[in-house]
Amino acid sequence: MSEYGLRLPDLEPLLEMDEPRMWFPVPGMYGGFSFRLDLGADVPKLVSESWCRVVGGSGERHEVTVDGARLVDRGFV
């Protein structure tokens, strides 16, 4: 646990799930992050979506691969 009282999620269990997805709420953010593992693509990737319920247009989607991370969508929430 960090000095901020925040424990980051371990993503490795996604490899053991039939539907590899999880939700990580962030206290005080009124939202958080969802993670899903996409193994059906030509390149395996982790897809992360984040948003804050009280800030319209705050949604962001990132794709993470061995080559890095990139923003692929924003403003959807």
N, C-alpha and C. Protein backbone atom coordinates (compact mmCIF):
# COMPACT_ATOMS: atom_id res chain seq x y z
N MET A 1 0.85 -1.17 0.00
CA MET A 1 0.00 0.00 0.00
C MET A 1 0.90 1.23 0.00
N SER A 2 0.58 2.19 -0.83
CA SER A 2 1.39 3.40 -0.95
C SER A 2 1.07 4.38 0.17
N GLU A 3 1.85 5.43 0.24
CA GLU A 3 1.60 6.47 1.23
C GLU A 3 0.27 7.18 0.99
N TYR A 4 -0.30 7.00 -0.20
CA TYR A 4 -1.57 7.63 -0.56
C TYR A 4 -2.77 6.74 -0.23
N GLY A 5 -2.52 5.56 0.30
CA GLY A 5 -3.61 4.63 0.61
C GLY A 5 -4.18 3.96 -0.63
N LEU A 6 -3.41 3.95 -1.69
CA LEU A 6 -3.87 3.40 -2.96
C LEU A 6 -3.05 2.17 -3.30
N ARG A 7 -3.73 1.06 -3.54
CA ARG A 7 -3.04 -0.15 -3.95
C ARG A 7 -3.38 -0.42 -5.41
N LEU A 8 -2.39 -0.45 -6.25
CA LEU A 8 -2.61 -0.66 -7.68
C LEU A 8 -2.96 -2.12 -7.97
N PRO A 9 -3.78 -2.36 -8.98
CA PRO A 9 -4.21 -3.73 -9.26
C PRO A 9 -3.10 -4.55 -9.91
N ASP A 10 -3.08 -5.82 -9.58
CA ASP A 10 -2.19 -6.77 -10.23
C ASP A 10 -2.91 -7.25 -11.49
N LEU A 11 -2.34 -7.03 -12.65
CA LEU A 11 -3.01 -7.37 -13.91
C LEU A 11 -2.76 -8.80 -14.37
N GLU A 12 -1.81 -9.48 -13.77
CA GLU A 12 -1.49 -10.84 -14.21
C GLU A 12 -2.67 -11.81 -14.14
N PRO A 13 -3.58 -11.69 -13.15
CA PRO A 13 -4.74 -12.59 -13.14
C PRO A 13 -5.61 -12.52 -14.40
N LEU A 14 -5.50 -11.45 -15.18
CA LEU A 14 -6.24 -11.37 -16.44
C LEU A 14 -5.91 -12.56 -17.35
N LEU A 15 -4.68 -13.07 -17.24
CA LEU A 15 -4.25 -14.19 -18.08
C LEU A 15 -4.96 -15.49 -17.71
N GLU A 16 -5.58 -15.55 -16.54
CA GLU A 16 -6.24 -16.76 -16.07
C GLU A 16 -7.76 -16.72 -16.20
N MET A 17 -8.31 -15.62 -16.67
CA MET A 17 -9.76 -15.44 -16.73
C MET A 17 -10.33 -15.81 -18.09
N ASP A 18 -11.57 -16.36 -18.08
CA ASP A 18 -12.26 -16.64 -19.34
C ASP A 18 -12.63 -15.34 -20.05
N GLU A 19 -13.08 -14.35 -19.28
CA GLU A 19 -13.35 -13.01 -19.81
C GLU A 19 -12.42 -12.05 -19.09
N PRO A 20 -11.25 -11.82 -19.65
CA PRO A 20 -10.21 -11.06 -18.95
C PRO A 20 -10.47 -9.56 -18.87
N ARG A 21 -11.21 -9.17 -17.81
CA ARG A 21 -11.48 -7.75 -17.58
C ARG A 21 -11.62 -7.51 -16.09
N MET A 22 -11.30 -6.29 -15.67
CA MET A 22 -11.45 -5.91 -14.27
C MET A 22 -11.67 -4.41 -14.16
N TRP A 23 -12.18 -4.00 -13.01
CA TRP A 23 -12.48 -2.60 -12.72
C TRP A 23 -11.63 -2.16 -11.55
N PHE A 24 -11.05 -0.95 -11.64
CA PHE A 24 -10.23 -0.39 -10.57
C PHE A 24 -10.79 0.98 -10.21
N PRO A 25 -11.63 1.06 -9.15
CA PRO A 25 -12.15 2.36 -8.73
C PRO A 25 -11.06 3.18 -8.05
N VAL A 26 -11.09 4.49 -8.22
CA VAL A 26 -10.14 5.38 -7.57
C VAL A 26 -10.91 6.28 -6.61
N PRO A 27 -10.65 6.15 -5.31
CA PRO A 27 -11.37 6.97 -4.34
C PRO A 27 -11.20 8.47 -4.64
N GLY A 28 -12.30 9.21 -4.58
CA GLY A 28 -12.27 10.64 -4.84
C GLY A 28 -12.34 11.02 -6.31
N MET A 29 -12.20 10.05 -7.20
CA MET A 29 -12.23 10.33 -8.64
C MET A 29 -13.66 10.24 -9.18
N TYR A 30 -14.56 9.58 -8.46
CA TYR A 30 -15.92 9.32 -8.94
C TYR A 30 -15.87 8.57 -10.26
N GLY A 31 -14.97 7.65 -10.35
CA GLY A 31 -14.78 6.84 -11.54
C GLY A 31 -13.60 5.93 -11.31
N GLY A 32 -12.88 5.67 -12.34
CA GLY A 32 -11.72 4.80 -12.22
C GLY A 32 -11.28 4.28 -13.57
N PHE A 33 -10.77 3.06 -13.56
CA PHE A 33 -10.18 2.46 -14.74
C PHE A 33 -10.74 1.06 -14.95
N SER A 34 -11.05 0.74 -16.18
CA SER A 34 -11.37 -0.65 -16.53
C SER A 34 -10.23 -1.15 -17.39
N PHE A 35 -9.92 -2.42 -17.21
CA PHE A 35 -8.85 -3.07 -17.97
C PHE A 35 -9.41 -4.33 -18.60
N ARG A 36 -9.03 -4.57 -19.84
CA ARG A 36 -9.37 -5.84 -20.47
C ARG A 36 -8.20 -6.26 -21.35
N LEU A 37 -8.03 -7.55 -21.42
CA LEU A 37 -6.96 -8.12 -22.23
C LEU A 37 -7.56 -8.59 -23.54
N ASP A 38 -7.03 -8.11 -24.65
CA ASP A 38 -7.50 -8.48 -25.98
C ASP A 38 -6.46 -9.39 -26.62
N LEU A 39 -6.73 -10.70 -26.56
CA LEU A 39 -5.81 -11.68 -27.15
C LEU A 39 -6.24 -12.09 -28.55
N GLY A 40 -7.40 -11.64 -29.01
CA GLY A 40 -7.92 -12.01 -30.32
C GLY A 40 -7.35 -11.19 -31.46
N ALA A 41 -6.67 -10.11 -31.14
CA ALA A 41 -6.09 -9.25 -32.18
C ALA A 41 -4.81 -9.89 -32.70
N ASP A 42 -4.29 -9.34 -33.79
CA ASP A 42 -3.03 -9.86 -34.33
C ASP A 42 -1.87 -9.62 -33.35
N VAL A 43 -1.98 -8.58 -32.54
CA VAL A 43 -0.99 -8.28 -31.50
C VAL A 43 -1.75 -8.21 -30.18
N PRO A 44 -1.38 -9.04 -29.20
CA PRO A 44 -2.06 -8.97 -27.90
C PRO A 44 -1.94 -7.57 -27.31
N LYS A 45 -3.03 -7.10 -26.67
CA LYS A 45 -2.97 -5.76 -26.10
C LYS A 45 -3.84 -5.66 -24.85
N LEU A 46 -3.46 -4.76 -23.99
CA LEU A 46 -4.23 -4.41 -22.82
C LEU A 46 -4.98 -3.13 -23.17
N VAL A 47 -6.29 -3.13 -22.98
CA VAL A 47 -7.10 -1.95 -23.27
C VAL A 47 -7.54 -1.36 -21.93
N SER A 48 -7.22 -0.09 -21.72
CA SER A 48 -7.56 0.61 -20.49
C SER A 48 -8.51 1.75 -20.82
N GLU A 49 -9.61 1.84 -20.06
CA GLU A 49 -10.54 2.97 -20.19
C GLU A 49 -10.65 3.64 -18.84
N SER A 50 -10.65 4.96 -18.84
CA SER A 50 -10.80 5.71 -17.58
C SER A 50 -11.81 6.82 -17.78
N TRP A 51 -12.48 7.18 -16.67
CA TRP A 51 -13.42 8.29 -16.72
C TRP A 51 -13.75 8.74 -15.31
N CYS A 52 -14.31 9.93 -15.24
CA CYS A 52 -14.79 10.52 -14.00
C CYS A 52 -16.25 10.88 -14.23
N ARG A 53 -17.16 10.35 -13.42
CA ARG A 53 -18.60 10.55 -13.64
C ARG A 53 -19.04 12.00 -13.57
N VAL A 54 -18.31 12.85 -12.86
CA VAL A 54 -18.75 14.24 -12.70
C VAL A 54 -18.11 15.18 -13.72
N VAL A 55 -17.30 14.66 -14.62
CA VAL A 55 -16.66 15.48 -15.65
C VAL A 55 -17.06 14.93 -17.02
N GLY A 56 -17.99 15.59 -17.67
CA GLY A 56 -18.42 15.16 -18.99
C GLY A 56 -17.27 15.18 -19.98
N GLY A 57 -17.20 14.16 -20.82
CA GLY A 57 -16.15 14.08 -21.82
C GLY A 57 -14.81 13.62 -21.29
N SER A 58 -14.80 13.06 -20.07
CA SER A 58 -13.52 12.69 -19.45
C SER A 58 -13.00 11.32 -19.88
N GLY A 59 -13.79 10.54 -20.59
CA GLY A 59 -13.38 9.19 -20.94
C GLY A 59 -12.18 9.16 -21.87
N GLU A 60 -11.25 8.26 -21.56
CA GLU A 60 -10.10 8.02 -22.43
C GLU A 60 -9.86 6.52 -22.54
N ARG A 61 -9.54 6.08 -23.74
CA ARG A 61 -9.21 4.68 -24.00
C ARG A 61 -7.78 4.60 -24.53
N HIS A 62 -6.99 3.76 -23.90
CA HIS A 62 -5.62 3.52 -24.33
C HIS A 62 -5.43 2.05 -24.66
N GLU A 63 -4.58 1.78 -25.63
CA GLU A 63 -4.16 0.41 -25.93
C GLU A 63 -2.68 0.30 -25.62
N VAL A 64 -2.34 -0.77 -24.91
CA VAL A 64 -0.96 -1.00 -24.49
C VAL A 64 -0.47 -2.30 -25.11
N THR A 65 0.65 -2.22 -25.84
CA THR A 65 1.28 -3.41 -26.43
C THR A 65 2.75 -3.41 -26.03
N VAL A 66 3.48 -4.40 -26.52
CA VAL A 66 4.92 -4.44 -26.22
C VAL A 66 5.64 -3.25 -26.83
N ASP A 67 5.02 -2.58 -27.80
CA ASP A 67 5.64 -1.42 -28.45
C ASP A 67 5.34 -0.10 -27.75
N GLY A 68 4.44 -0.13 -26.74
CA GLY A 68 4.12 1.10 -26.02
C GLY A 68 2.62 1.28 -25.87
N ALA A 69 2.23 2.47 -25.44
CA ALA A 69 0.83 2.79 -25.22
C ALA A 69 0.42 3.93 -26.13
N ARG A 70 -0.86 3.89 -26.56
CA ARG A 70 -1.35 4.99 -27.39
C ARG A 70 -2.81 5.26 -27.06
N LEU A 71 -3.16 6.53 -27.12
CA LEU A 71 -4.53 6.97 -26.91
C LEU A 71 -5.31 6.67 -28.19
N VAL A 72 -6.43 5.93 -28.07
CA VAL A 72 -7.18 5.56 -29.25
C VAL A 72 -8.58 6.19 -29.28
N ASP A 73 -9.06 6.72 -28.13
CA ASP A 73 -10.36 7.36 -28.10
C ASP A 73 -10.43 8.25 -26.87
N ARG A 74 -11.23 9.31 -26.96
CA ARG A 74 -11.42 10.19 -25.81
C ARG A 74 -12.76 10.88 -25.90
N GLY A 75 -13.25 11.34 -24.73
CA GLY A 75 -14.50 12.07 -24.70
C GLY A 75 -15.75 11.25 -24.74
N PHE A 76 -15.67 9.93 -24.54
CA PHE A 76 -16.85 9.08 -24.68
C PHE A 76 -17.70 9.00 -23.42
N VAL A 77 -17.28 9.58 -22.32
CA VAL A 77 -18.12 9.60 -21.10
C VAL A 77 -18.24 11.05 -20.66
